[in-house]
mmCIF file of all heavy atoms, coordinates in Angstrom:
data_MODEL
# 
_entry.id   MODEL 
# 
loop_
_atom_site.group_PDB 
_atom_site.id 
_atom_site.type_symbol 
_atom_site.label_atom_id 
_atom_site.label_alt_id 
_atom_site.label_comp_id 
_atom_site.label_asym_id 
_atom_site.label_entity_id 
_atom_site.label_seq_id 
_atom_site.pdbx_PDB_ins_code 
_atom_site.Cartn_x 
_atom_site.Cartn_y 
_atom_site.Cartn_z 
_atom_site.occupancy 
_atom_site.B_iso_or_equiv 
_atom_site.pdbx_formal_charge 
_atom_site.auth_seq_id 
_atom_site.auth_comp_id 
_atom_site.auth_asym_id 
_atom_site.auth_atom_id 
_atom_site.pdbx_PDB_model_num 
ATOM 1   N N   . VAL A 1 1  ? 11.411 42.384 5.839  1.00 0.00 ? 1  VAL A N   1 
ATOM 2   C CA  . VAL A 1 1  ? 12.061 41.193 6.282  1.00 0.00 ? 1  VAL A CA  1 
ATOM 3   C C   . VAL A 1 1  ? 11.092 40.363 7.121  1.00 0.00 ? 1  VAL A C   1 
ATOM 4   O O   . VAL A 1 1  ? 11.056 39.149 6.932  1.00 0.00 ? 1  VAL A O   1 
ATOM 5   C CB  . VAL A 1 1  ? 13.410 41.497 7.151  1.00 0.00 ? 1  VAL A CB  1 
ATOM 6   C CG1 . VAL A 1 1  ? 13.944 40.310 7.889  1.00 0.00 ? 1  VAL A CG1 1 
ATOM 7   C CG2 . VAL A 1 1  ? 14.468 42.128 6.399  1.00 0.00 ? 1  VAL A CG2 1 
ATOM 8   N N   . SER A 1 2  ? 10.315 40.978 7.957  1.00 0.00 ? 2  SER A N   1 
ATOM 9   C CA  . SER A 1 2  ? 9.325  40.229 8.754  1.00 0.00 ? 2  SER A CA  1 
ATOM 10  C C   . SER A 1 2  ? 8.267  39.683 7.974  1.00 0.00 ? 2  SER A C   1 
ATOM 11  O O   . SER A 1 2  ? 7.482  38.662 8.402  1.00 0.00 ? 2  SER A O   1 
ATOM 12  C CB  . SER A 1 2  ? 8.737  41.126 9.862  1.00 0.00 ? 2  SER A CB  1 
ATOM 13  O OG  . SER A 1 2  ? 8.030  42.263 9.337  1.00 0.00 ? 2  SER A OG  1 
ATOM 14  N N   . ASN A 1 3  ? 7.982  40.221 6.740  1.00 0.00 ? 3  ASN A N   1 
ATOM 15  C CA  . ASN A 1 3  ? 6.968  39.768 5.846  1.00 0.00 ? 3  ASN A CA  1 
ATOM 16  C C   . ASN A 1 3  ? 7.498  38.741 4.857  1.00 0.00 ? 3  ASN A C   1 
ATOM 17  O O   . ASN A 1 3  ? 7.368  37.553 5.020  1.00 0.00 ? 3  ASN A O   1 
ATOM 18  C CB  . ASN A 1 3  ? 6.338  40.878 5.098  1.00 0.00 ? 3  ASN A CB  1 
ATOM 19  C CG  . ASN A 1 3  ? 5.115  40.499 4.241  1.00 0.00 ? 3  ASN A CG  1 
ATOM 20  O OD1 . ASN A 1 3  ? 4.725  39.310 4.160  1.00 0.00 ? 3  ASN A OD1 1 
ATOM 21  N ND2 . ASN A 1 3  ? 4.466  41.429 3.718  1.00 0.00 ? 3  ASN A ND2 1 
ATOM 22  N N   . SER A 1 4  ? 8.236  39.182 3.852  1.00 0.00 ? 4  SER A N   1 
ATOM 23  C CA  . SER A 1 4  ? 8.785  38.270 2.828  1.00 0.00 ? 4  SER A CA  1 
ATOM 24  C C   . SER A 1 4  ? 9.856  37.333 3.444  1.00 0.00 ? 4  SER A C   1 
ATOM 25  O O   . SER A 1 4  ? 9.803  36.178 3.130  1.00 0.00 ? 4  SER A O   1 
ATOM 26  C CB  . SER A 1 4  ? 9.464  39.083 1.725  1.00 0.00 ? 4  SER A CB  1 
ATOM 27  O OG  . SER A 1 4  ? 8.474  39.866 1.013  1.00 0.00 ? 4  SER A OG  1 
ATOM 28  N N   . GLY A 1 5  ? 10.755 37.940 4.323  1.00 0.00 ? 5  GLY A N   1 
ATOM 29  C CA  . GLY A 1 5  ? 11.812 37.122 4.786  1.00 0.00 ? 5  GLY A CA  1 
ATOM 30  C C   . GLY A 1 5  ? 11.318 36.005 5.773  1.00 0.00 ? 5  GLY A C   1 
ATOM 31  O O   . GLY A 1 5  ? 11.805 34.912 5.623  1.00 0.00 ? 5  GLY A O   1 
ATOM 32  N N   . ALA A 1 6  ? 10.278 36.275 6.500  1.00 0.00 ? 6  ALA A N   1 
ATOM 33  C CA  . ALA A 1 6  ? 9.783  35.302 7.460  1.00 0.00 ? 6  ALA A CA  1 
ATOM 34  C C   . ALA A 1 6  ? 9.006  34.259 6.639  1.00 0.00 ? 6  ALA A C   1 
ATOM 35  O O   . ALA A 1 6  ? 9.133  33.088 7.024  1.00 0.00 ? 6  ALA A O   1 
ATOM 36  C CB  . ALA A 1 6  ? 8.826  36.040 8.452  1.00 0.00 ? 6  ALA A CB  1 
ATOM 37  N N   . ILE A 1 7  ? 8.266  34.628 5.558  1.00 0.00 ? 7  ILE A N   1 
ATOM 38  C CA  . ILE A 1 7  ? 7.544  33.620 4.860  1.00 0.00 ? 7  ILE A CA  1 
ATOM 39  C C   . ILE A 1 7  ? 8.563  32.655 4.158  1.00 0.00 ? 7  ILE A C   1 
ATOM 40  O O   . ILE A 1 7  ? 8.347  31.425 4.153  1.00 0.00 ? 7  ILE A O   1 
ATOM 41  C CB  . ILE A 1 7  ? 6.722  34.306 3.735  1.00 0.00 ? 7  ILE A CB  1 
ATOM 42  C CG1 . ILE A 1 7  ? 5.513  34.951 4.440  1.00 0.00 ? 7  ILE A CG1 1 
ATOM 43  C CG2 . ILE A 1 7  ? 6.260  33.306 2.714  1.00 0.00 ? 7  ILE A CG2 1 
ATOM 44  C CD1 . ILE A 1 7  ? 4.562  35.756 3.440  1.00 0.00 ? 7  ILE A CD1 1 
ATOM 45  N N   . CYS A 1 8  ? 9.585  33.202 3.656  1.00 0.00 ? 8  CYS A N   1 
ATOM 46  C CA  . CYS A 1 8  ? 10.577 32.397 2.941  1.00 0.00 ? 8  CYS A CA  1 
ATOM 47  C C   . CYS A 1 8  ? 11.218 31.487 3.990  1.00 0.00 ? 8  CYS A C   1 
ATOM 48  O O   . CYS A 1 8  ? 11.398 30.167 3.759  1.00 0.00 ? 8  CYS A O   1 
ATOM 49  C CB  . CYS A 1 8  ? 11.707 33.297 2.302  1.00 0.00 ? 8  CYS A CB  1 
ATOM 50  S SG  . CYS A 1 8  ? 11.143 34.084 0.844  1.00 0.00 ? 8  CYS A SG  1 
ATOM 51  N N   . MET A 1 9  ? 11.767 31.999 5.084  1.00 0.00 ? 9  MET A N   1 
ATOM 52  C CA  . MET A 1 9  ? 12.535 31.148 6.016  1.00 0.00 ? 9  MET A CA  1 
ATOM 53  C C   . MET A 1 9  ? 11.699 30.216 6.750  1.00 0.00 ? 9  MET A C   1 
ATOM 54  O O   . MET A 1 9  ? 12.090 29.001 6.892  1.00 0.00 ? 9  MET A O   1 
ATOM 55  C CB  . MET A 1 9  ? 13.237 32.115 7.092  1.00 0.00 ? 9  MET A CB  1 
ATOM 56  C CG  . MET A 1 9  ? 14.145 31.443 8.014  1.00 0.00 ? 9  MET A CG  1 
ATOM 57  S SD  . MET A 1 9  ? 15.471 30.495 7.248  1.00 0.00 ? 9  MET A SD  1 
ATOM 58  C CE  . MET A 1 9  ? 16.514 31.921 6.778  1.00 0.00 ? 9  MET A CE  1 
ATOM 59  N N   . LEU A 1 10 ? 10.487 30.615 7.213  1.00 0.00 ? 10 LEU A N   1 
ATOM 60  C CA  . LEU A 1 10 ? 9.606  29.656 7.949  1.00 0.00 ? 10 LEU A CA  1 
ATOM 61  C C   . LEU A 1 10 ? 9.147  28.582 7.056  1.00 0.00 ? 10 LEU A C   1 
ATOM 62  O O   . LEU A 1 10 ? 9.047  27.344 7.456  1.00 0.00 ? 10 LEU A O   1 
ATOM 63  C CB  . LEU A 1 10 ? 8.466  30.488 8.621  1.00 0.00 ? 10 LEU A CB  1 
ATOM 64  C CG  . LEU A 1 10 ? 8.924  31.369 9.714  1.00 0.00 ? 10 LEU A CG  1 
ATOM 65  C CD1 . LEU A 1 10 ? 7.639  32.135 10.221 1.00 0.00 ? 10 LEU A CD1 1 
ATOM 66  C CD2 . LEU A 1 10 ? 9.522  30.637 10.938 1.00 0.00 ? 10 LEU A CD2 1 
ATOM 67  N N   . SER A 1 11 ? 8.816  28.858 5.871  1.00 0.00 ? 11 SER A N   1 
ATOM 68  C CA  . SER A 1 11 ? 8.299  27.923 4.857  1.00 0.00 ? 11 SER A CA  1 
ATOM 69  C C   . SER A 1 11 ? 9.386  26.871 4.563  1.00 0.00 ? 11 SER A C   1 
ATOM 70  O O   . SER A 1 11 ? 9.215  25.672 4.492  1.00 0.00 ? 11 SER A O   1 
ATOM 71  C CB  . SER A 1 11 ? 7.824  28.656 3.540  1.00 0.00 ? 11 SER A CB  1 
ATOM 72  O OG  . SER A 1 11 ? 6.717  29.567 3.825  1.00 0.00 ? 11 SER A OG  1 
ATOM 73  N N   . PHE A 1 12 ? 10.680 27.426 4.401  1.00 0.00 ? 12 PHE A N   1 
ATOM 74  C CA  . PHE A 1 12 ? 11.803 26.582 4.145  1.00 0.00 ? 12 PHE A CA  1 
ATOM 75  C C   . PHE A 1 12 ? 12.003 25.565 5.244  1.00 0.00 ? 12 PHE A C   1 
ATOM 76  O O   . PHE A 1 12 ? 12.185 24.375 4.960  1.00 0.00 ? 12 PHE A O   1 
ATOM 77  C CB  . PHE A 1 12 ? 12.995 27.358 3.791  1.00 0.00 ? 12 PHE A CB  1 
ATOM 78  C CG  . PHE A 1 12 ? 14.230 26.515 3.439  1.00 0.00 ? 12 PHE A CG  1 
ATOM 79  C CD1 . PHE A 1 12 ? 14.141 25.830 2.190  1.00 0.00 ? 12 PHE A CD1 1 
ATOM 80  C CD2 . PHE A 1 12 ? 15.276 26.545 4.132  1.00 0.00 ? 12 PHE A CD2 1 
ATOM 81  C CE1 . PHE A 1 12 ? 15.269 25.038 1.812  1.00 0.00 ? 12 PHE A CE1 1 
ATOM 82  C CE2 . PHE A 1 12 ? 16.482 25.753 3.740  1.00 0.00 ? 12 PHE A CE2 1 
ATOM 83  C CZ  . PHE A 1 12 ? 16.400 25.044 2.595  1.00 0.00 ? 12 PHE A CZ  1 
ATOM 84  N N   . ILE A 1 13 ? 11.983 26.086 6.428  1.00 0.00 ? 13 ILE A N   1 
ATOM 85  C CA  . ILE A 1 13 ? 12.157 25.264 7.583  1.00 0.00 ? 13 ILE A CA  1 
ATOM 86  C C   . ILE A 1 13 ? 11.047 24.153 7.775  1.00 0.00 ? 13 ILE A C   1 
ATOM 87  O O   . ILE A 1 13 ? 11.327 23.026 8.004  1.00 0.00 ? 13 ILE A O   1 
ATOM 88  C CB  . ILE A 1 13 ? 12.224 26.055 8.940  1.00 0.00 ? 13 ILE A CB  1 
ATOM 89  C CG1 . ILE A 1 13 ? 13.558 26.955 8.844  1.00 0.00 ? 13 ILE A CG1 1 
ATOM 90  C CG2 . ILE A 1 13 ? 12.208 25.212 10.168 1.00 0.00 ? 13 ILE A CG2 1 
ATOM 91  C CD1 . ILE A 1 13 ? 13.584 27.954 10.012 1.00 0.00 ? 13 ILE A CD1 1 
ATOM 92  N N   . LEU A 1 14 ? 9.777  24.593 7.547  1.00 0.00 ? 14 LEU A N   1 
ATOM 93  C CA  . LEU A 1 14 ? 8.625  23.674 7.645  1.00 0.00 ? 14 LEU A CA  1 
ATOM 94  C C   . LEU A 1 14 ? 8.810  22.575 6.595  1.00 0.00 ? 14 LEU A C   1 
ATOM 95  O O   . LEU A 1 14 ? 8.555  21.455 6.885  1.00 0.00 ? 14 LEU A O   1 
ATOM 96  C CB  . LEU A 1 14 ? 7.420  24.531 7.290  1.00 0.00 ? 14 LEU A CB  1 
ATOM 97  C CG  . LEU A 1 14 ? 6.004  23.700 7.401  1.00 0.00 ? 14 LEU A CG  1 
ATOM 98  C CD1 . LEU A 1 14 ? 5.872  23.119 8.878  1.00 0.00 ? 14 LEU A CD1 1 
ATOM 99  C CD2 . LEU A 1 14 ? 4.896  24.645 6.968  1.00 0.00 ? 14 LEU A CD2 1 
ATOM 100 N N   . LEU A 1 15 ? 9.170  22.976 5.335  1.00 0.00 ? 15 LEU A N   1 
ATOM 101 C CA  . LEU A 1 15 ? 9.381  21.947 4.344  1.00 0.00 ? 15 LEU A CA  1 
ATOM 102 C C   . LEU A 1 15 ? 10.575 20.964 4.588  1.00 0.00 ? 15 LEU A C   1 
ATOM 103 O O   . LEU A 1 15 ? 10.239 19.767 4.435  1.00 0.00 ? 15 LEU A O   1 
ATOM 104 C CB  . LEU A 1 15 ? 9.685  22.746 2.943  1.00 0.00 ? 15 LEU A CB  1 
ATOM 105 C CG  . LEU A 1 15 ? 8.400  23.361 2.375  1.00 0.00 ? 15 LEU A CG  1 
ATOM 106 C CD1 . LEU A 1 15 ? 8.917  24.268 1.266  1.00 0.00 ? 15 LEU A CD1 1 
ATOM 107 C CD2 . LEU A 1 15 ? 7.473  22.372 1.760  1.00 0.00 ? 15 LEU A CD2 1 
ATOM 108 N N   . LEU A 1 16 ? 11.648 21.484 5.178  1.00 0.00 ? 16 LEU A N   1 
ATOM 109 C CA  . LEU A 1 16 ? 12.687 20.614 5.583  1.00 0.00 ? 16 LEU A CA  1 
ATOM 110 C C   . LEU A 1 16 ? 12.269 19.628 6.623  1.00 0.00 ? 16 LEU A C   1 
ATOM 111 O O   . LEU A 1 16 ? 12.577 18.448 6.528  1.00 0.00 ? 16 LEU A O   1 
ATOM 112 C CB  . LEU A 1 16 ? 13.869 21.337 6.032  1.00 0.00 ? 16 LEU A CB  1 
ATOM 113 C CG  . LEU A 1 16 ? 14.674 22.200 5.046  1.00 0.00 ? 16 LEU A CG  1 
ATOM 114 C CD1 . LEU A 1 16 ? 15.956 22.907 5.668  1.00 0.00 ? 16 LEU A CD1 1 
ATOM 115 C CD2 . LEU A 1 16 ? 15.242 21.295 3.948  1.00 0.00 ? 16 LEU A CD2 1 
ATOM 116 N N   . LEU A 1 17 ? 11.518 20.172 7.610  1.00 0.00 ? 17 LEU A N   1 
ATOM 117 C CA  . LEU A 1 17 ? 11.020 19.199 8.749  1.00 0.00 ? 17 LEU A CA  1 
ATOM 118 C C   . LEU A 1 17 ? 10.061 18.204 8.147  1.00 0.00 ? 17 LEU A C   1 
ATOM 119 O O   . LEU A 1 17 ? 10.107 16.964 8.561  1.00 0.00 ? 17 LEU A O   1 
ATOM 120 C CB  . LEU A 1 17 ? 10.394 20.059 9.776  1.00 0.00 ? 17 LEU A CB  1 
ATOM 121 C CG  . LEU A 1 17 ? 11.194 20.935 10.687 1.00 0.00 ? 17 LEU A CG  1 
ATOM 122 C CD1 . LEU A 1 17 ? 10.284 21.873 11.550 1.00 0.00 ? 17 LEU A CD1 1 
ATOM 123 C CD2 . LEU A 1 17 ? 12.146 20.185 11.482 1.00 0.00 ? 17 LEU A CD2 1 
ATOM 124 N N   . SER A 1 18 ? 9.206  18.607 7.165  1.00 0.00 ? 18 SER A N   1 
ATOM 125 C CA  . SER A 1 18 ? 8.310  17.527 6.602  1.00 0.00 ? 18 SER A CA  1 
ATOM 126 C C   . SER A 1 18 ? 9.023  16.470 5.922  1.00 0.00 ? 18 SER A C   1 
ATOM 127 O O   . SER A 1 18 ? 8.664  15.334 6.040  1.00 0.00 ? 18 SER A O   1 
ATOM 128 C CB  . SER A 1 18 ? 7.322  18.244 5.636  1.00 0.00 ? 18 SER A CB  1 
ATOM 129 O OG  . SER A 1 18 ? 8.008  18.701 4.469  1.00 0.00 ? 18 SER A OG  1 
ATOM 130 N N   . TYR A 1 19 ? 10.220 16.833 5.174  1.00 0.00 ? 19 TYR A N   1 
ATOM 131 C CA  . TYR A 1 19 ? 10.905 15.826 4.510  1.00 0.00 ? 19 TYR A CA  1 
ATOM 132 C C   . TYR A 1 19 ? 11.707 14.882 5.507  1.00 0.00 ? 19 TYR A C   1 
ATOM 133 O O   . TYR A 1 19 ? 11.870 13.734 5.225  1.00 0.00 ? 19 TYR A O   1 
ATOM 134 C CB  . TYR A 1 19 ? 11.809 16.417 3.470  1.00 0.00 ? 19 TYR A CB  1 
ATOM 135 C CG  . TYR A 1 19 ? 11.030 17.036 2.298  1.00 0.00 ? 19 TYR A CG  1 
ATOM 136 C CD1 . TYR A 1 19 ? 11.153 18.368 1.960  1.00 0.00 ? 19 TYR A CD1 1 
ATOM 137 C CD2 . TYR A 1 19 ? 10.306 16.216 1.517  1.00 0.00 ? 19 TYR A CD2 1 
ATOM 138 C CE1 . TYR A 1 19 ? 10.409 18.908 0.897  1.00 0.00 ? 19 TYR A CE1 1 
ATOM 139 C CE2 . TYR A 1 19 ? 9.584  16.721 0.550  1.00 0.00 ? 19 TYR A CE2 1 
ATOM 140 C CZ  . TYR A 1 19 ? 9.689  17.999 0.091  1.00 0.00 ? 19 TYR A CZ  1 
ATOM 141 O OH  . TYR A 1 19 ? 8.957  18.553 -0.970 1.00 0.00 ? 19 TYR A OH  1 
ATOM 142 N N   . VAL A 1 20 ? 12.128 15.512 6.601  1.00 0.00 ? 20 VAL A N   1 
ATOM 143 C CA  . VAL A 1 20 ? 12.723 14.690 7.697  1.00 0.00 ? 20 VAL A CA  1 
ATOM 144 C C   . VAL A 1 20 ? 11.756 13.635 8.204  1.00 0.00 ? 20 VAL A C   1 
ATOM 145 O O   . VAL A 1 20 ? 12.138 12.465 8.372  1.00 0.00 ? 20 VAL A O   1 
ATOM 146 C CB  . VAL A 1 20 ? 13.332 15.552 8.827  1.00 0.00 ? 20 VAL A CB  1 
ATOM 147 C CG1 . VAL A 1 20 ? 13.735 14.735 9.981  1.00 0.00 ? 20 VAL A CG1 1 
ATOM 148 C CG2 . VAL A 1 20 ? 14.431 16.419 8.289  1.00 0.00 ? 20 VAL A CG2 1 
ATOM 149 N N   . VAL A 1 21 ? 10.519 14.060 8.472  1.00 0.00 ? 21 VAL A N   1 
ATOM 150 C CA  . VAL A 1 21 ? 9.598  13.207 8.952  1.00 0.00 ? 21 VAL A CA  1 
ATOM 151 C C   . VAL A 1 21 ? 9.195  12.065 7.932  1.00 0.00 ? 21 VAL A C   1 
ATOM 152 O O   . VAL A 1 21 ? 9.098  10.942 8.282  1.00 0.00 ? 21 VAL A O   1 
ATOM 153 C CB  . VAL A 1 21 ? 8.238  13.948 9.301  1.00 0.00 ? 21 VAL A CB  1 
ATOM 154 C CG1 . VAL A 1 21 ? 7.175  13.059 9.717  1.00 0.00 ? 21 VAL A CG1 1 
ATOM 155 C CG2 . VAL A 1 21 ? 8.532  14.863 10.523 1.00 0.00 ? 21 VAL A CG2 1 
ATOM 156 N N   . ILE A 1 22 ? 9.135  12.525 6.679  1.00 0.00 ? 22 ILE A N   1 
ATOM 157 C CA  . ILE A 1 22 ? 8.902  11.533 5.631  1.00 0.00 ? 22 ILE A CA  1 
ATOM 158 C C   . ILE A 1 22 ? 9.931  10.508 5.480  1.00 0.00 ? 22 ILE A C   1 
ATOM 159 O O   . ILE A 1 22 ? 9.699  9.331  5.427  1.00 0.00 ? 22 ILE A O   1 
ATOM 160 C CB  . ILE A 1 22 ? 8.639  12.310 4.229  1.00 0.00 ? 22 ILE A CB  1 
ATOM 161 C CG1 . ILE A 1 22 ? 7.309  13.042 4.281  1.00 0.00 ? 22 ILE A CG1 1 
ATOM 162 C CG2 . ILE A 1 22 ? 8.665  11.271 3.115  1.00 0.00 ? 22 ILE A CG2 1 
ATOM 163 C CD1 . ILE A 1 22 ? 7.159  13.988 3.113  1.00 0.00 ? 22 ILE A CD1 1 
ATOM 164 N N   . LEU A 1 23 ? 11.195 10.976 5.537  1.00 0.00 ? 23 LEU A N   1 
ATOM 165 C CA  . LEU A 1 23 ? 12.352 10.030 5.369  1.00 0.00 ? 23 LEU A CA  1 
ATOM 166 C C   . LEU A 1 23 ? 12.401 9.113  6.504  1.00 0.00 ? 23 LEU A C   1 
ATOM 167 O O   . LEU A 1 23 ? 12.653 7.878  6.470  1.00 0.00 ? 23 LEU A O   1 
ATOM 168 C CB  . LEU A 1 23 ? 13.632 10.798 5.298  1.00 0.00 ? 23 LEU A CB  1 
ATOM 169 C CG  . LEU A 1 23 ? 13.897 11.605 3.996  1.00 0.00 ? 23 LEU A CG  1 
ATOM 170 C CD1 . LEU A 1 23 ? 15.130 12.430 4.042  1.00 0.00 ? 23 LEU A CD1 1 
ATOM 171 C CD2 . LEU A 1 23 ? 14.017 10.593 2.756  1.00 0.00 ? 23 LEU A CD2 1 
ATOM 172 N N   . TYR A 1 24 ? 12.072 9.559  7.700  1.00 0.00 ? 24 TYR A N   1 
ATOM 173 C CA  . TYR A 1 24 ? 12.134 8.735  8.929  1.00 0.00 ? 24 TYR A CA  1 
ATOM 174 C C   . TYR A 1 24 ? 11.093 7.714  8.805  1.00 0.00 ? 24 TYR A C   1 
ATOM 175 O O   . TYR A 1 24 ? 11.239 6.437  9.251  1.00 0.00 ? 24 TYR A O   1 
ATOM 176 C CB  . TYR A 1 24 ? 11.885 9.643  10.145 1.00 0.00 ? 24 TYR A CB  1 
ATOM 177 C CG  . TYR A 1 24 ? 11.905 8.886  11.496 1.00 0.00 ? 24 TYR A CG  1 
ATOM 178 C CD1 . TYR A 1 24 ? 13.012 8.426  12.006 1.00 0.00 ? 24 TYR A CD1 1 
ATOM 179 C CD2 . TYR A 1 24 ? 10.710 8.610  12.153 1.00 0.00 ? 24 TYR A CD2 1 
ATOM 180 C CE1 . TYR A 1 24 ? 13.061 7.662  13.207 1.00 0.00 ? 24 TYR A CE1 1 
ATOM 181 C CE2 . TYR A 1 24 ? 10.646 7.836  13.382 1.00 0.00 ? 24 TYR A CE2 1 
ATOM 182 C CZ  . TYR A 1 24 ? 11.883 7.396  13.945 1.00 0.00 ? 24 TYR A CZ  1 
ATOM 183 O OH  . TYR A 1 24 ? 11.892 6.630  15.015 1.00 0.00 ? 24 TYR A OH  1 
ATOM 184 N N   . SER A 1 25 ? 9.829  7.995  8.371  1.00 0.00 ? 25 SER A N   1 
ATOM 185 C CA  . SER A 1 25 ? 8.728  7.078  8.296  1.00 0.00 ? 25 SER A CA  1 
ATOM 186 C C   . SER A 1 25 ? 8.983  6.000  7.196  1.00 0.00 ? 25 SER A C   1 
ATOM 187 O O   . SER A 1 25 ? 8.378  4.905  7.238  1.00 0.00 ? 25 SER A O   1 
ATOM 188 C CB  . SER A 1 25 ? 7.409  7.741  7.933  1.00 0.00 ? 25 SER A CB  1 
ATOM 189 O OG  . SER A 1 25 ? 7.392  8.407  6.630  1.00 0.00 ? 25 SER A OG  1 
ATOM 190 N N   . LEU A 1 26 ? 9.853  6.256  6.274  1.00 0.00 ? 26 LEU A N   1 
ATOM 191 C CA  . LEU A 1 26 ? 10.142 5.341  5.087  1.00 0.00 ? 26 LEU A CA  1 
ATOM 192 C C   . LEU A 1 26 ? 10.793 4.034  5.673  1.00 0.00 ? 26 LEU A C   1 
ATOM 193 O O   . LEU A 1 26 ? 10.882 3.085  4.873  1.00 0.00 ? 26 LEU A O   1 
ATOM 194 C CB  . LEU A 1 26 ? 10.947 5.975  4.054  1.00 0.00 ? 26 LEU A CB  1 
ATOM 195 C CG  . LEU A 1 26 ? 10.219 7.039  3.132  1.00 0.00 ? 26 LEU A CG  1 
ATOM 196 C CD1 . LEU A 1 26 ? 11.252 7.564  2.175  1.00 0.00 ? 26 LEU A CD1 1 
ATOM 197 C CD2 . LEU A 1 26 ? 9.117  6.381  2.398  1.00 0.00 ? 26 LEU A CD2 1 
ATOM 198 N N   . ARG A 1 27 ? 11.343 4.007  6.797  1.00 0.00 ? 27 ARG A N   1 
ATOM 199 C CA  . ARG A 1 27 ? 12.004 2.851  7.234  1.00 0.00 ? 27 ARG A CA  1 
ATOM 200 C C   . ARG A 1 27 ? 11.145 1.732  7.375  1.00 0.00 ? 27 ARG A C   1 
ATOM 201 O O   . ARG A 1 27 ? 11.612 0.477  7.420  1.00 0.00 ? 27 ARG A O   1 
ATOM 202 C CB  . ARG A 1 27 ? 12.797 3.219  8.653  1.00 0.00 ? 27 ARG A CB  1 
ATOM 203 C CG  . ARG A 1 27 ? 11.800 3.195  9.794  1.00 0.00 ? 27 ARG A CG  1 
ATOM 204 C CD  . ARG A 1 27 ? 12.438 3.800  11.043 1.00 0.00 ? 27 ARG A CD  1 
ATOM 205 N NE  . ARG A 1 27 ? 11.676 3.699  12.227 1.00 0.00 ? 27 ARG A NE  1 
ATOM 206 C CZ  . ARG A 1 27 ? 10.573 4.377  12.435 1.00 0.00 ? 27 ARG A CZ  1 
ATOM 207 N NH1 . ARG A 1 27 ? 10.124 5.261  11.671 1.00 0.00 ? 27 ARG A NH1 1 
ATOM 208 N NH2 . ARG A 1 27 ? 9.919  4.154  13.621 1.00 0.00 ? 27 ARG A NH2 1 
# 
């Protein structure tokens, strides 16, 4: 869980945050 699970979850959160920043900058 700390290996595969952490990679999946942290990567997903990082990607979501990146898209939030991108959408915010599009204004």
